[in-house]
Amino acid sequence: MATLTIRLPDDKHARLKQLAEHRQVSMNKLIEELSTVALAQFDAELRFRARAARGSSEEGLRLLDKLDAESDG
């Protein structure tokens, strides 16, 4: 396991500490959880961009139109 030292403004550190206390987790666990969310979002964006590069914009628009029609009716 790696150790990471970061510098944060005092006010941000205080707010993160409050958040950790509210969630009843350590600061270490909070930062681990937040980094997991950030990585999941990044991975999802990469997968989306890869699929979009292989896909057809016309087909995507057709599917969105179909979704709109189904949600309206």
PDB file of N, CA and C in Angstrom:
ATOM      1  N   MET A   1       0.852  -1.167   0.000  1.00  0.00           N
ATOM      2  CA  MET A   1       0.000   0.000   0.000  1.00  0.00           C
ATOM      3  C   MET A   1       0.903   1.237   0.000  1.00  0.00           C
ATOM      4  N   ALA A   2       0.514   2.250  -0.750  1.00  0.00           N
ATOM      5  CA  ALA A   2       1.308   3.465  -0.869  1.00  0.00           C
ATOM      6  C   ALA A   2       0.825   4.529   0.115  1.00  0.00           C
ATOM      7  N   THR A   3       1.715   5.433   0.434  1.00  0.00           N
ATOM      8  CA  THR A   3       1.390   6.583   1.268  1.00  0.00           C
ATOM      9  C   THR A   3       1.438   7.821   0.392  1.00  0.00           C
ATOM     10  N   LEU A   4       0.460   8.699   0.574  1.00  0.00           N
ATOM     11  CA  LEU A   4       0.358   9.916  -0.222  1.00  0.00           C
ATOM     12  C   LEU A   4       0.241  11.106   0.710  1.00  0.00           C
ATOM     13  N   THR A   5       1.057  12.103   0.484  1.00  0.00           N
ATOM     14  CA  THR A   5       0.966  13.343   1.239  1.00  0.00           C
ATOM     15  C   THR A   5       0.448  14.415   0.293  1.00  0.00           C
ATOM     16  N   ILE A   6      -0.593  15.119   0.708  1.00  0.00           N
ATOM     17  CA  ILE A   6      -1.156  16.183  -0.129  1.00  0.00           C
ATOM     18  C   ILE A   6      -1.222  17.479   0.666  1.00  0.00           C
ATOM     19  N   ARG A   7      -1.208  18.576  -0.050  1.00  0.00           N
ATOM     20  CA  ARG A   7      -1.364  19.882   0.573  1.00  0.00           C
ATOM     21  C   ARG A   7      -2.740  20.423   0.207  1.00  0.00           C
ATOM     22  N   LEU A   8      -3.471  20.855   1.221  1.00  0.00           N
ATOM     23  CA  LEU A   8      -4.805  21.416   1.030  1.00  0.00           C
ATOM     24  C   LEU A   8      -4.895  22.732   1.783  1.00  0.00           C
ATOM     25  N   PRO A   9      -5.702  23.646   1.280  1.00  0.00           N
ATOM     26  CA  PRO A   9      -5.974  24.843   2.074  1.00  0.00           C
ATOM     27  C   PRO A   9      -6.632  24.432   3.395  1.00  0.00           C
ATOM     28  N   ASP A  10      -6.364  25.196   4.447  1.00  0.00           N
ATOM     29  CA  ASP A  10      -6.887  24.859   5.773  1.00  0.00           C
ATOM     30  C   ASP A  10      -8.405  24.717   5.785  1.00  0.00           C
ATOM     31  N   ASP A  11      -9.092  25.593   5.063  1.00  0.00           N
ATOM     32  CA  ASP A  11     -10.562  25.532   5.073  1.00  0.00           C
ATOM     33  C   ASP A  11     -11.074  24.257   4.413  1.00  0.00           C
ATOM     34  N   LYS A  12     -10.425  23.833   3.344  1.00  0.00           N
ATOM     35  CA  LYS A  12     -10.842  22.589   2.688  1.00  0.00           C
ATOM     36  C   LYS A  12     -10.558  21.391   3.594  1.00  0.00           C
ATOM     37  N   HIS A  13      -9.430  21.402   4.263  1.00  0.00           N
ATOM     38  CA  HIS A  13      -9.096  20.323   5.189  1.00  0.00           C
ATOM     39  C   HIS A  13     -10.148  20.231   6.292  1.00  0.00           C
ATOM     40  N   ALA A  14     -10.538  21.379   6.818  1.00  0.00           N
ATOM     41  CA  ALA A  14     -11.536  21.401   7.886  1.00  0.00           C
ATOM     42  C   ALA A  14     -12.877  20.855   7.397  1.00  0.00           C
ATOM     43  N   ARG A  15     -13.262  21.211   6.191  1.00  0.00           N
ATOM     44  CA  ARG A  15     -14.535  20.717   5.653  1.00  0.00           C
ATOM     45  C   ARG A  15     -14.478  19.218   5.405  1.00  0.00           C
ATOM     46  N   LEU A  16     -13.352  18.724   4.895  1.00  0.00           N
ATOM     47  CA  LEU A  16     -13.210  17.282   4.687  1.00  0.00           C
ATOM     48  C   LEU A  16     -13.235  16.541   6.021  1.00  0.00           C
ATOM     49  N   LYS A  17     -12.626  17.129   7.032  1.00  0.00           N
ATOM     50  CA  LYS A  17     -12.641  16.515   8.365  1.00  0.00           C
ATOM     51  C   LYS A  17     -14.073  16.444   8.894  1.00  0.00           C
ATOM     52  N   GLN A  18     -14.842  17.515   8.690  1.00  0.00           N
ATOM     53  CA  GLN A  18     -16.258  17.499   9.098  1.00  0.00           C
ATOM     54  C   GLN A  18     -17.022  16.412   8.355  1.00  0.00           C
ATOM     55  N   LEU A  19     -16.776  16.298   7.058  1.00  0.00           N
ATOM     56  CA  LEU A  19     -17.457  15.280   6.258  1.00  0.00           C
ATOM     57  C   LEU A  19     -17.114  13.882   6.759  1.00  0.00           C
ATOM     58  N   ALA A  20     -15.849  13.645   7.039  1.00  0.00           N
ATOM     59  CA  ALA A  20     -15.432  12.337   7.556  1.00  0.00           C
ATOM     60  C   ALA A  20     -16.120  12.040   8.889  1.00  0.00           C
ATOM     61  N   GLU A  21     -16.181  13.031   9.762  1.00  0.00           N
ATOM     62  CA  GLU A  21     -16.844  12.835  11.048  1.00  0.00           C
ATOM     63  C   GLU A  21     -18.337  12.558  10.857  1.00  0.00           C
ATOM     64  N   HIS A  22     -18.944  13.292   9.929  1.00  0.00           N
ATOM     65  CA  HIS A  22     -20.374  13.087   9.650  1.00  0.00           C
ATOM     66  C   HIS A  22     -20.641  11.668   9.150  1.00  0.00           C
ATOM     67  N   ARG A  23     -19.747  11.179   8.304  1.00  0.00           N
ATOM     68  CA  ARG A  23     -19.894   9.815   7.774  1.00  0.00           C
ATOM     69  C   ARG A  23     -19.365   8.753   8.730  1.00  0.00           C
ATOM     70  N   GLN A  24     -18.766   9.202   9.808  1.00  0.00           N
ATOM     71  CA  GLN A  24     -18.186   8.315  10.822  1.00  0.00           C
ATOM     72  C   GLN A  24     -17.113   7.402  10.233  1.00  0.00           C
ATOM     73  N   VAL A  25     -16.226   8.037   9.459  1.00  0.00           N
ATOM     74  CA  VAL A  25     -15.072   7.332   8.899  1.00  0.00           C
ATOM     75  C   VAL A  25     -13.829   8.187   9.149  1.00  0.00           C
ATOM     76  N   SER A  26     -12.676   7.569   9.012  1.00  0.00           N
ATOM     77  CA  SER A  26     -11.431   8.315   9.154  1.00  0.00           C
ATOM     78  C   SER A  26     -11.199   9.174   7.910  1.00  0.00           C
ATOM     79  N   MET A  27     -10.316  10.151   8.054  1.00  0.00           N
ATOM     80  CA  MET A  27      -9.953  10.969   6.888  1.00  0.00           C
ATOM     81  C   MET A  27      -9.362  10.079   5.803  1.00  0.00           C
ATOM     82  N   ASN A  28      -8.557   9.107   6.206  1.00  0.00           N
ATOM     83  CA  ASN A  28      -7.953   8.202   5.239  1.00  0.00           C
ATOM     84  C   ASN A  28      -9.033   7.456   4.449  1.00  0.00           C
ATOM     85  N   LYS A  29     -10.025   6.926   5.159  1.00  0.00           N
ATOM     86  CA  LYS A  29     -11.108   6.187   4.502  1.00  0.00           C
ATOM     87  C   LYS A  29     -11.923   7.116   3.604  1.00  0.00           C
ATOM     88  N   LEU A  30     -12.178   8.344   4.052  1.00  0.00           N
ATOM     89  CA  LEU A  30     -12.925   9.297   3.237  1.00  0.00           C
ATOM     90  C   LEU A  30     -12.200   9.574   1.925  1.00  0.00           C
ATOM     91  N   ILE A  31     -10.903   9.847   1.992  1.00  0.00           N
ATOM     92  CA  ILE A  31     -10.128  10.137   0.782  1.00  0.00           C
ATOM     93  C   ILE A  31     -10.086   8.907  -0.123  1.00  0.00           C
ATOM     94  N   GLU A  32      -9.981   7.725   0.467  1.00  0.00           N
ATOM     95  CA  GLU A  32     -10.012   6.494  -0.329  1.00  0.00           C
ATOM     96  C   GLU A  32     -11.348   6.358  -1.054  1.00  0.00           C
ATOM     97  N   GLU A  33     -12.453   6.618  -0.349  1.00  0.00           N
ATOM     98  CA  GLU A  33     -13.784   6.528  -0.960  1.00  0.00           C
ATOM     99  C   GLU A  33     -13.954   7.566  -2.076  1.00  0.00           C
ATOM    100  N   LEU A  34     -13.515   8.797  -1.815  1.00  0.00           N
ATOM    101  CA  LEU A  34     -13.645   9.850  -2.830  1.00  0.00           C
ATOM    102  C   LEU A  34     -12.793   9.538  -4.059  1.00  0.00           C
ATOM    103  N   SER A  35     -11.605   8.984  -3.841  1.00  0.00           N
ATOM    104  CA  SER A  35     -10.758   8.637  -4.983  1.00  0.00           C
ATOM    105  C   SER A  35     -11.359   7.478  -5.779  1.00  0.00           C
ATOM    106  N   THR A  36     -12.034   6.553  -5.106  1.00  0.00           N
ATOM    107  CA  THR A  36     -12.706   5.451  -5.804  1.00  0.00           C
ATOM    108  C   THR A  36     -13.814   5.988  -6.706  1.00  0.00           C
ATOM    109  N   VAL A  37     -14.578   6.950  -6.209  1.00  0.00           N
ATOM    110  CA  VAL A  37     -15.636   7.561  -7.014  1.00  0.00           C
ATOM    111  C   VAL A  37     -15.036   8.274  -8.221  1.00  0.00           C
ATOM    112  N   ALA A  38     -13.973   9.038  -8.004  1.00  0.00           N
ATOM    113  CA  ALA A  38     -13.333   9.766  -9.107  1.00  0.00           C
ATOM    114  C   ALA A  38     -12.811   8.801 -10.168  1.00  0.00           C
ATOM    115  N   LEU A  39     -12.205   7.701  -9.747  1.00  0.00           N
ATOM    116  CA  LEU A  39     -11.685   6.720 -10.705  1.00  0.00           C
ATOM    117  C   LEU A  39     -12.812   6.012 -11.453  1.00  0.00           C
ATOM    118  N   ALA A  40     -13.910   5.716 -10.768  1.00  0.00           N
ATOM    119  CA  ALA A  40     -15.057   5.086 -11.433  1.00  0.00           C
ATOM    120  C   ALA A  40     -15.633   6.022 -12.490  1.00  0.00           C
ATOM    121  N   GLN A  41     -15.724   7.316 -12.163  1.00  0.00           N
ATOM    122  CA  GLN A  41     -16.219   8.289 -13.145  1.00  0.00           C
ATOM    123  C   GLN A  41     -15.277   8.378 -14.337  1.00  0.00           C
ATOM    124  N   PHE A  42     -13.985   8.386 -14.067  1.00  0.00           N
ATOM    125  CA  PHE A  42     -12.987   8.450 -15.141  1.00  0.00           C
ATOM    126  C   PHE A  42     -13.081   7.211 -16.030  1.00  0.00           C
ATOM    127  N   ASP A  43     -13.185   6.033 -15.416  1.00  0.00           N
ATOM    128  CA  ASP A  43     -13.303   4.792 -16.191  1.00  0.00           C
ATOM    129  C   ASP A  43     -14.572   4.796 -17.047  1.00  0.00           C
ATOM    130  N   ALA A  44     -15.681   5.269 -16.478  1.00  0.00           N
ATOM    131  CA  ALA A  44     -16.932   5.331 -17.236  1.00  0.00           C
ATOM    132  C   ALA A  44     -16.797   6.273 -18.427  1.00  0.00           C
ATOM    133  N   GLU A  45     -16.143   7.405 -18.218  1.00  0.00           N
ATOM    134  CA  GLU A  45     -15.937   8.340 -19.324  1.00  0.00           C
ATOM    135  C   GLU A  45     -15.076   7.722 -20.414  1.00  0.00           C
ATOM    136  N   LEU A  46     -14.018   7.012 -20.042  1.00  0.00           N
ATOM    137  CA  LEU A  46     -13.169   6.353 -21.031  1.00  0.00           C
ATOM    138  C   LEU A  46     -13.947   5.307 -21.823  1.00  0.00           C
ATOM    139  N   ARG A  47     -14.768   4.508 -21.109  1.00  0.00           N
ATOM    140  CA  ARG A  47     -15.567   3.501 -21.810  1.00  0.00           C
ATOM    141  C   ARG A  47     -16.566   4.163 -22.746  1.00  0.00           C
ATOM    142  N   PHE A  48     -17.206   5.239 -22.280  1.00  0.00           N
ATOM    143  CA  PHE A  48     -18.167   5.956 -23.117  1.00  0.00           C
ATOM    144  C   PHE A  48     -17.483   6.500 -24.365  1.00  0.00           C
ATOM    145  N   ARG A  49     -16.323   7.139 -24.194  1.00  0.00           N
ATOM    146  CA  ARG A  49     -15.619   7.706 -25.351  1.00  0.00           C
ATOM    147  C   ARG A  49     -15.173   6.622 -26.334  1.00  0.00           C
ATOM    148  N   ALA A  50     -14.748   5.482 -25.811  1.00  0.00           N
ATOM    149  CA  ALA A  50     -14.331   4.379 -26.685  1.00  0.00           C
ATOM    150  C   ALA A  50     -15.522   3.845 -27.473  1.00  0.00           C
ATOM    151  N   ARG A  51     -16.660   3.695 -26.803  1.00  0.00           N
ATOM    152  CA  ARG A  51     -17.863   3.207 -27.502  1.00  0.00           C
ATOM    153  C   ARG A  51     -18.356   4.243 -28.510  1.00  0.00           C
ATOM    154  N   ALA A  52     -18.292   5.520 -28.135  1.00  0.00           N
ATOM    155  CA  ALA A  52     -18.744   6.585 -29.042  1.00  0.00           C
ATOM    156  C   ALA A  52     -17.877   6.627 -30.289  1.00  0.00           C
ATOM    157  N   ALA A  53     -16.583   6.371 -30.137  1.00  0.00           N
ATOM    158  CA  ALA A  53     -15.672   6.396 -31.286  1.00  0.00           C
ATOM    159  C   ALA A  53     -15.991   5.261 -32.259  1.00  0.00           C
ATOM    160  N   ARG A  54     -16.515   4.155 -31.738  1.00  0.00           N
ATOM    161  CA  ARG A  54     -16.851   3.014 -32.599  1.00  0.00           C
ATOM    162  C   ARG A  54     -18.253   3.126 -33.179  1.00  0.00           C
ATOM    163  N   GLY A  55     -19.075   3.979 -32.585  1.00  0.00           N
ATOM    164  CA  GLY A  55     -20.481   4.031 -32.956  1.00  0.00           C
ATOM    165  C   GLY A  55     -20.794   5.013 -34.058  1.00  0.00           C
ATOM    166  N   SER A  56     -22.076   5.096 -34.346  1.00  0.00           N
ATOM    167  CA  SER A  56     -22.596   5.978 -35.378  1.00  0.00           C
ATOM    168  C   SER A  56     -23.410   7.082 -34.710  1.00  0.00           C
ATOM    169  N   SER A  57     -23.124   8.328 -35.047  1.00  0.00           N
ATOM    170  CA  SER A  57     -23.883   9.428 -34.449  1.00  0.00           C
ATOM    171  C   SER A  57     -25.343   9.364 -34.882  1.00  0.00           C
ATOM    172  N   GLU A  58     -25.585   8.918 -36.118  1.00  0.00           N
ATOM    173  CA  GLU A  58     -26.966   8.804 -36.597  1.00  0.00           C
ATOM    174  C   GLU A  58     -27.739   7.765 -35.782  1.00  0.00           C
ATOM    175  N   GLU A  59     -27.103   6.644 -35.491  1.00  0.00           N
ATOM    176  CA  GLU A  59     -27.753   5.600 -34.697  1.00  0.00           C
ATOM    177  C   GLU A  59     -27.991   6.089 -33.271  1.00  0.00           C
ATOM    178  N   GLY A  60     -27.028   6.812 -32.718  1.00  0.00           N
ATOM    179  CA  GLY A  60     -27.188   7.352 -31.375  1.00  0.00           C
ATOM    180  C   GLY A  60     -28.353   8.321 -31.299  1.00  0.00           C
ATOM    181  N   LEU A  61     -28.474   9.199 -32.278  1.00  0.00           N
ATOM    182  CA  LEU A  61     -29.585  10.145 -32.305  1.00  0.00           C
ATOM    183  C   LEU A  61     -30.922   9.424 -32.481  1.00  0.00           C
ATOM    184  N   ARG A  62     -30.928   8.363 -33.287  1.00  0.00           N
ATOM    185  CA  ARG A  62     -32.141   7.582 -33.478  1.00  0.00           C
ATOM    186  C   ARG A  62     -32.581   6.941 -32.164  1.00  0.00           C
ATOM    187  N   LEU A  63     -31.615   6.419 -31.416  1.00  0.00           N
ATOM    188  CA  LEU A  63     -31.937   5.799 -30.132  1.00  0.00           C
ATOM    189  C   LEU A  63     -32.437   6.834 -29.128  1.00  0.00           C
ATOM    190  N   LEU A  64     -31.854   8.023 -29.134  1.00  0.00           N
ATOM    191  CA  LEU A  64     -32.331   9.084 -28.240  1.00  0.00           C
ATOM    192  C   LEU A  64     -33.750   9.503 -28.598  1.00  0.00           C
ATOM    193  N   ASP A  65     -34.040   9.597 -29.893  1.00  0.00           N
ATOM    194  CA  ASP A  65     -35.396   9.930 -30.326  1.00  0.00           C
ATOM    195  C   ASP A  65     -36.382   8.857 -29.866  1.00  0.00           C
ATOM    196  N   LYS A  66     -35.964   7.602 -29.973  1.00  0.00           N
ATOM    197  CA  LYS A  66     -36.817   6.505 -29.539  1.00  0.00           C
ATOM    198  C   LYS A  66     -37.069   6.572 -28.035  1.00  0.00           C
ATOM    199  N   LEU A  67     -36.042   6.879 -27.278  1.00  0.00           N
ATOM    200  CA  LEU A  67     -36.175   7.011 -25.836  1.00  0.00           C
ATOM    201  C   LEU A  67     -37.120   8.162 -25.492  1.00  0.00           C
ATOM    202  N   ASP A  68     -36.969   9.299 -26.174  1.00  0.00           N
ATOM    203  CA  ASP A  68     -37.862  10.444 -25.950  1.00  0.00           C
ATOM    204  C   ASP A  68     -39.322  10.066 -26.236  1.00  0.00           C
ATOM    205  N   ALA A  69     -39.524   9.353 -27.333  1.00  0.00           N
ATOM    206  CA  ALA A  69     -40.878   8.966 -27.716  1.00  0.00           C
ATOM    207  C   ALA A  69     -41.492   8.035 -26.663  1.00  0.00           C
ATOM    208  N   GLU A  70     -40.697   7.124 -26.146  1.00  0.00           N
ATOM    209  CA  GLU A  70     -41.198   6.185 -25.139  1.00  0.00           C
ATOM    210  C   GLU A  70     -41.489   6.891 -23.815  1.00  0.00           C
ATOM    211  N   SER A  71     -40.690   7.879 -23.455  1.00  0.00           N
ATOM    212  CA  SER A  71     -40.914   8.574 -22.176  1.00  0.00           C
ATOM    213  C   SER A  71     -42.083   9.550 -22.272  1.00  0.00           C
ATOM    214  N   ASP A  72     -42.423  10.014 -23.488  1.00  0.00           N
ATOM    215  CA  ASP A  72     -43.553  10.912 -23.684  1.00  0.00           C
ATOM    216  C   ASP A  72     -44.879  10.167 -23.698  1.00  0.00           C
ATOM    217  N   GLY A  73     -44.839   8.938 -24.070  1.00  0.00           N
ATOM    218  CA  GLY A  73     -46.081   8.304 -24.340  1.00  0.00           C
ATOM    219  C   GLY A  73     -46.514   7.199 -23.504  1.00  0.00           C
TER     220      GLY A  73
END
